[in-house]
């Protein structure tokens, strides 16, 4: 796993947090929640891809 992935996740978190605060202060709580959920889904999809490549590497190491 590279450091780039950590920076991407941190950048997504910062952007989602700023958007969330802006939307809450403007009275759009539902859109703030949807923005937070969208950010969470993006990060989880990135992590699922990395976990998939980890399992492929483990299978190739052990010859499964």
PDB file of N, CA and C in Angstrom:
ATOM      1  N   UNK A   1       0.854  -1.176   0.000  1.00  0.00           N
ATOM      2  CA  UNK A   1       0.000   0.000   0.000  1.00  0.00           C
ATOM      3  C   UNK A   1       0.891   1.227   0.000  1.00  0.00           C
ATOM      4  N   UNK A   2       0.566   2.167  -0.829  1.00  0.00           N
ATOM      5  CA  UNK A   2       1.401   3.350  -0.951  1.00  0.00           C
ATOM      6  C   UNK A   2       0.851   4.495  -0.109  1.00  0.00           C
ATOM      7  N   UNK A   3       1.697   5.483   0.054  1.00  0.00           N
ATOM      8  CA  UNK A   3       1.316   6.654   0.837  1.00  0.00           C
ATOM      9  C   UNK A   3       0.301   7.498   0.074  1.00  0.00           C
ATOM     10  N   UNK A   4       0.298   7.365  -1.252  1.00  0.00           N
ATOM     11  CA  UNK A   4      -0.650   8.132  -2.063  1.00  0.00           C
ATOM     12  C   UNK A   4      -2.095   7.826  -1.684  1.00  0.00           C
ATOM     13  N   UNK A   5      -2.366   6.580  -1.367  1.00  0.00           N
ATOM     14  CA  UNK A   5      -3.718   6.198  -0.982  1.00  0.00           C
ATOM     15  C   UNK A   5      -4.143   6.920   0.299  1.00  0.00           C
ATOM     16  N   UNK A   6      -3.236   7.018   1.241  1.00  0.00           N
ATOM     17  CA  UNK A   6      -3.536   7.706   2.505  1.00  0.00           C
ATOM     18  C   UNK A   6      -3.818   9.181   2.244  1.00  0.00           C
ATOM     19  N   UNK A   7      -3.016   9.792   1.365  1.00  0.00           N
ATOM     20  CA  UNK A   7      -3.236  11.204   1.047  1.00  0.00           C
ATOM     21  C   UNK A   7      -4.550  11.424   0.305  1.00  0.00           C
ATOM     22  N   UNK A   8      -4.907  10.490  -0.579  1.00  0.00           N
ATOM     23  CA  UNK A   8      -6.184  10.609  -1.288  1.00  0.00           C
ATOM     24  C   UNK A   8      -7.356  10.525  -0.315  1.00  0.00           C
ATOM     25  N   UNK A   9      -7.282   9.585   0.615  1.00  0.00           N
ATOM     26  CA  UNK A   9      -8.358   9.435   1.600  1.00  0.00           C
ATOM     27  C   UNK A   9      -8.444  10.667   2.489  1.00  0.00           C
ATOM     28  N   UNK A  10      -7.294  11.205   2.885  1.00  0.00           N
ATOM     29  CA  UNK A  10      -7.293  12.409   3.717  1.00  0.00           C
ATOM     30  C   UNK A  10      -7.870  13.602   2.950  1.00  0.00           C
ATOM     31  N   UNK A  11      -7.521  13.732   1.671  1.00  0.00           N
ATOM     32  CA  UNK A  11      -8.047  14.840   0.863  1.00  0.00           C
ATOM     33  C   UNK A  11      -9.558  14.731   0.707  1.00  0.00           C
ATOM     34  N   UNK A  12     -10.045  13.526   0.472  1.00  0.00           N
ATOM     35  CA  UNK A  12     -11.491  13.329   0.353  1.00  0.00           C
ATOM     36  C   UNK A  12     -12.171  13.675   1.671  1.00  0.00           C
ATOM     37  N   UNK A  13     -11.559  13.281   2.782  1.00  0.00           N
ATOM     38  CA  UNK A  13     -12.125  13.599   4.094  1.00  0.00           C
ATOM     39  C   UNK A  13     -12.196  15.088   4.362  1.00  0.00           C
ATOM     40  N   UNK A  14     -11.148  15.809   3.988  1.00  0.00           N
ATOM     41  CA  UNK A  14     -11.137  17.267   4.194  1.00  0.00           C
ATOM     42  C   UNK A  14     -12.188  17.939   3.331  1.00  0.00           C
ATOM     43  N   UNK A  15     -12.274  17.536   2.067  1.00  0.00           N
ATOM     44  CA  UNK A  15     -13.259  18.137   1.161  1.00  0.00           C
ATOM     45  C   UNK A  15     -14.676  17.854   1.637  1.00  0.00           C
ATOM     46  N   UNK A  16     -14.938  16.632   2.053  1.00  0.00           N
ATOM     47  CA  UNK A  16     -16.281  16.274   2.524  1.00  0.00           C
ATOM     48  C   UNK A  16     -16.611  17.032   3.810  1.00  0.00           C
ATOM     49  N   UNK A  17     -15.638  17.191   4.693  1.00  0.00           N
ATOM     50  CA  UNK A  17     -15.893  17.915   5.941  1.00  0.00           C
ATOM     51  C   UNK A  17     -16.222  19.383   5.671  1.00  0.00           C
ATOM     52  N   UNK A  18     -15.493  19.999   4.757  1.00  0.00           N
ATOM     53  CA  UNK A  18     -15.763  21.412   4.429  1.00  0.00           C
ATOM     54  C   UNK A  18     -17.133  21.550   3.783  1.00  0.00           C
ATOM     55  N   UNK A  19     -17.440  20.684   2.823  1.00  0.00           N
ATOM     56  CA  UNK A  19     -18.762  20.739   2.184  1.00  0.00           C
ATOM     57  C   UNK A  19     -19.878  20.481   3.186  1.00  0.00           C
ATOM     58  N   UNK A  20     -19.651  19.556   4.087  1.00  0.00           N
ATOM     59  CA  UNK A  20     -20.640  19.239   5.100  1.00  0.00           C
ATOM     60  C   UNK A  20     -20.930  20.472   5.966  1.00  0.00           C
ATOM     61  N   UNK A  21     -19.900  21.144   6.423  1.00  0.00           N
ATOM     62  CA  UNK A  21     -20.097  22.331   7.262  1.00  0.00           C
ATOM     63  C   UNK A  21     -20.785  23.453   6.501  1.00  0.00           C
ATOM     64  N   UNK A  22     -20.399  23.645   5.244  1.00  0.00           N
ATOM     65  CA  UNK A  22     -21.044  24.686   4.444  1.00  0.00           C
ATOM     66  C   UNK A  22     -22.526  24.403   4.241  1.00  0.00           C
ATOM     67  N   UNK A  23     -22.851  23.164   3.955  1.00  0.00           N
ATOM     68  CA  UNK A  23     -24.251  22.818   3.724  1.00  0.00           C
ATOM     69  C   UNK A  23     -25.073  22.882   5.001  1.00  0.00           C
ATOM     70  N   UNK A  24     -24.494  22.483   6.119  1.00  0.00           N
ATOM     71  CA  UNK A  24     -25.227  22.559   7.386  1.00  0.00           C
ATOM     72  C   UNK A  24     -25.493  24.008   7.761  1.00  0.00           C
ATOM     73  N   UNK A  25     -24.495  24.867   7.590  1.00  0.00           N
ATOM     74  CA  UNK A  25     -24.690  26.281   7.955  1.00  0.00           C
ATOM     75  C   UNK A  25     -25.683  26.981   7.042  1.00  0.00           C
ATOM     76  N   UNK A  26     -25.848  26.481   5.816  1.00  0.00           N
ATOM     77  CA  UNK A  26     -26.827  27.096   4.918  1.00  0.00           C
ATOM     78  C   UNK A  26     -28.213  26.472   5.066  1.00  0.00           C
ATOM     79  N   UNK A  27     -28.356  25.523   5.994  1.00  0.00           N
ATOM     80  CA  UNK A  27     -29.661  24.953   6.276  1.00  0.00           C
ATOM     81  C   UNK A  27     -30.039  23.774   5.402  1.00  0.00           C
ATOM     82  N   UNK A  28     -29.081  23.140   4.782  1.00  0.00           N
ATOM     83  CA  UNK A  28     -29.359  22.003   3.907  1.00  0.00           C
ATOM     84  C   UNK A  28     -28.782  20.733   4.527  1.00  0.00           C
ATOM     85  N   UNK A  29     -29.416  20.299   5.596  1.00  0.00           N
ATOM     86  CA  UNK A  29     -28.911  19.146   6.332  1.00  0.00           C
ATOM     87  C   UNK A  29     -28.993  17.856   5.526  1.00  0.00           C
ATOM     88  N   UNK A  30     -30.050  17.704   4.720  1.00  0.00           N
ATOM     89  CA  UNK A  30     -30.195  16.476   3.938  1.00  0.00           C
ATOM     90  C   UNK A  30     -29.090  16.352   2.904  1.00  0.00           C
ATOM     91  N   UNK A  31     -28.772  17.458   2.241  1.00  0.00           N
ATOM     92  CA  UNK A  31     -27.698  17.421   1.248  1.00  0.00           C
ATOM     93  C   UNK A  31     -26.343  17.214   1.917  1.00  0.00           C
ATOM     94  N   UNK A  32     -26.183  17.724   3.134  1.00  0.00           N
ATOM     95  CA  UNK A  32     -24.942  17.501   3.870  1.00  0.00           C
ATOM     96  C   UNK A  32     -24.778  16.024   4.196  1.00  0.00           C
ATOM     97  N   UNK A  33     -25.860  15.375   4.569  1.00  0.00           N
ATOM     98  CA  UNK A  33     -25.809  13.945   4.860  1.00  0.00           C
ATOM     99  C   UNK A  33     -25.490  13.145   3.603  1.00  0.00           C
ATOM    100  N   UNK A  34     -26.093  13.516   2.475  1.00  0.00           N
ATOM    101  CA  UNK A  34     -25.819  12.820   1.220  1.00  0.00           C
ATOM    102  C   UNK A  34     -24.370  13.020   0.785  1.00  0.00           C
ATOM    103  N   UNK A  35     -23.821  14.198   1.010  1.00  0.00           N
ATOM    104  CA  UNK A  35     -22.415  14.452   0.681  1.00  0.00           C
ATOM    105  C   UNK A  35     -21.505  13.577   1.532  1.00  0.00           C
ATOM    106  N   UNK A  36     -21.822  13.471   2.799  1.00  0.00           N
ATOM    107  CA  UNK A  36     -21.029  12.625   3.692  1.00  0.00           C
ATOM    108  C   UNK A  36     -21.109  11.164   3.270  1.00  0.00           C
ATOM    109  N   UNK A  37     -22.297  10.700   2.928  1.00  0.00           N
ATOM    110  CA  UNK A  37     -22.454   9.315   2.478  1.00  0.00           C
ATOM    111  C   UNK A  37     -21.718   9.060   1.165  1.00  0.00           C
ATOM    112  N   UNK A  38     -21.753  10.032   0.256  1.00  0.00           N
ATOM    113  CA  UNK A  38     -21.047   9.874  -1.013  1.00  0.00           C
ATOM    114  C   UNK A  38     -19.538   9.780  -0.778  1.00  0.00           C
ATOM    115  N   UNK A  39     -19.013  10.610   0.114  1.00  0.00           N
ATOM    116  CA  UNK A  39     -17.591  10.541   0.437  1.00  0.00           C
ATOM    117  C   UNK A  39     -17.220   9.211   1.060  1.00  0.00           C
ATOM    118  N   UNK A  40     -18.067   8.705   1.929  1.00  0.00           N
ATOM    119  CA  UNK A  40     -17.823   7.414   2.561  1.00  0.00           C
ATOM    120  C   UNK A  40     -17.829   6.288   1.536  1.00  0.00           C
ATOM    121  N   UNK A  41     -18.756   6.334   0.595  1.00  0.00           N
ATOM    122  CA  UNK A  41     -18.832   5.298  -0.442  1.00  0.00           C
ATOM    123  C   UNK A  41     -17.601   5.336  -1.339  1.00  0.00           C
ATOM    124  N   UNK A  42     -17.129   6.530  -1.675  1.00  0.00           N
ATOM    125  CA  UNK A  42     -15.931   6.647  -2.512  1.00  0.00           C
ATOM    126  C   UNK A  42     -14.725   6.050  -1.803  1.00  0.00           C
ATOM    127  N   UNK A  43     -14.560   6.382  -0.522  1.00  0.00           N
ATOM    128  CA  UNK A  43     -13.413   5.867   0.238  1.00  0.00           C
ATOM    129  C   UNK A  43     -13.519   4.354   0.409  1.00  0.00           C
ATOM    130  N   UNK A  44     -14.693   3.854   0.690  1.00  0.00           N
ATOM    131  CA  UNK A  44     -14.865   2.408   0.845  1.00  0.00           C
ATOM    132  C   UNK A  44     -14.589   1.665  -0.456  1.00  0.00           C
ATOM    133  N   UNK A  45     -14.982   2.249  -1.582  1.00  0.00           N
ATOM    134  CA  UNK A  45     -14.692   1.590  -2.859  1.00  0.00           C
ATOM    135  C   UNK A  45     -13.190   1.561  -3.124  1.00  0.00           C
ATOM    136  N   UNK A  46     -12.486   2.614  -2.730  1.00  0.00           N
ATOM    137  CA  UNK A  46     -11.026   2.610  -2.878  1.00  0.00           C
ATOM    138  C   UNK A  46     -10.401   1.536  -2.004  1.00  0.00           C
ATOM    139  N   UNK A  47     -10.909   1.388  -0.797  1.00  0.00           N
ATOM    140  CA  UNK A  47     -10.370   0.382   0.112  1.00  0.00           C
ATOM    141  C   UNK A  47     -10.685  -1.037  -0.345  1.00  0.00           C
ATOM    142  N   UNK A  48     -11.864  -1.251  -0.912  1.00  0.00           N
ATOM    143  CA  UNK A  48     -12.234  -2.576  -1.394  1.00  0.00           C
ATOM    144  C   UNK A  48     -11.306  -2.998  -2.530  1.00  0.00           C
ATOM    145  N   UNK A  49     -10.956  -2.067  -3.407  1.00  0.00           N
ATOM    146  CA  UNK A  49     -10.023  -2.384  -4.484  1.00  0.00           C
ATOM    147  C   UNK A  49      -8.658  -2.784  -3.926  1.00  0.00           C
ATOM    148  N   UNK A  50      -8.193  -2.079  -2.907  1.00  0.00           N
ATOM    149  CA  UNK A  50      -6.902  -2.404  -2.312  1.00  0.00           C
ATOM    150  C   UNK A  50      -6.942  -3.752  -1.597  1.00  0.00           C
ATOM    151  N   UNK A  51      -8.038  -4.043  -0.929  1.00  0.00           N
ATOM    152  CA  UNK A  51      -8.172  -5.333  -0.247  1.00  0.00           C
ATOM    153  C   UNK A  51      -8.226  -6.466  -1.278  1.00  0.00           C
ATOM    154  N   UNK A  52      -8.883  -6.225  -2.410  1.00  0.00           N
ATOM    155  CA  UNK A  52      -8.906  -7.220  -3.477  1.00  0.00           C
ATOM    156  C   UNK A  52      -7.518  -7.519  -4.012  1.00  0.00           C
ATOM    157  N   UNK A  53      -6.723  -6.479  -4.211  1.00  0.00           N
ATOM    158  CA  UNK A  53      -5.352  -6.710  -4.684  1.00  0.00           C
ATOM    159  C   UNK A  53      -4.516  -7.402  -3.616  1.00  0.00           C
ATOM    160  N   UNK A  54      -4.790  -7.133  -2.344  1.00  0.00           N
ATOM    161  CA  UNK A  54      -4.088  -7.830  -1.267  1.00  0.00           C
ATOM    162  C   UNK A  54      -4.392  -9.322  -1.298  1.00  0.00           C
ATOM    163  N   UNK A  55      -5.654  -9.688  -1.483  1.00  0.00           N
ATOM    164  CA  UNK A  55      -6.019 -11.098  -1.547  1.00  0.00           C
ATOM    165  C   UNK A  55      -5.394 -11.782  -2.765  1.00  0.00           C
ATOM    166  N   UNK A  56      -5.337 -11.069  -3.901  1.00  0.00           N
ATOM    167  CA  UNK A  56      -4.679 -11.638  -5.078  1.00  0.00           C
ATOM    168  C   UNK A  56      -3.205 -11.897  -4.804  1.00  0.00           C
ATOM    169  N   UNK A  57      -2.548 -10.973  -4.115  1.00  0.00           N
ATOM    170  CA  UNK A  57      -1.145 -11.150  -3.797  1.00  0.00           C
ATOM    171  C   UNK A  57      -0.945 -12.331  -2.843  1.00  0.00           C
ATOM    172  N   UNK A  58      -1.812 -12.452  -1.852  1.00  0.00           N
ATOM    173  CA  UNK A  58      -1.717 -13.559  -0.907  1.00  0.00           C
ATOM    174  C   UNK A  58      -1.938 -14.891  -1.623  1.00  0.00           C
ATOM    175  N   UNK A  59      -2.923 -14.930  -2.549  1.00  0.00           N
ATOM    176  CA  UNK A  59      -3.154 -16.156  -3.293  1.00  0.00           C
ATOM    177  C   UNK A  59      -1.956 -16.528  -4.150  1.00  0.00           C
ATOM    178  N   UNK A  60      -1.317 -15.542  -4.752  1.00  0.00           N
ATOM    179  CA  UNK A  60      -0.157 -15.855  -5.598  1.00  0.00           C
ATOM    180  C   UNK A  60       1.047 -16.279  -4.767  1.00  0.00           C
ATOM    181  N   UNK A  61       1.195 -15.727  -3.562  1.00  0.00           N
ATOM    182  CA  UNK A  61       2.324 -16.097  -2.708  1.00  0.00           C
ATOM    183  C   UNK A  61       2.184 -17.541  -2.242  1.00  0.00           C
ATOM    184  N   UNK A  62       0.988 -17.920  -1.833  1.00  0.00           N
ATOM    185  CA  UNK A  62       0.779 -19.260  -1.311  1.00  0.00           C
ATOM    186  C   UNK A  62       0.355 -20.260  -2.373  1.00  0.00           C
ATOM    187  N   UNK A  63       0.187 -19.817  -3.607  1.00  0.00           N
ATOM    188  CA  UNK A  63      -0.141 -20.714  -4.702  1.00  0.00           C
ATOM    189  C   UNK A  63      -1.520 -21.311  -4.607  1.00  0.00           C
ATOM    190  N   UNK A  64      -2.478 -20.531  -4.159  1.00  0.00           N
ATOM    191  CA  UNK A  64      -3.851 -21.035  -4.018  1.00  0.00           C
ATOM    192  C   UNK A  64      -4.657 -20.788  -5.272  1.00  0.00           C
TER     193      UNK A  64
END
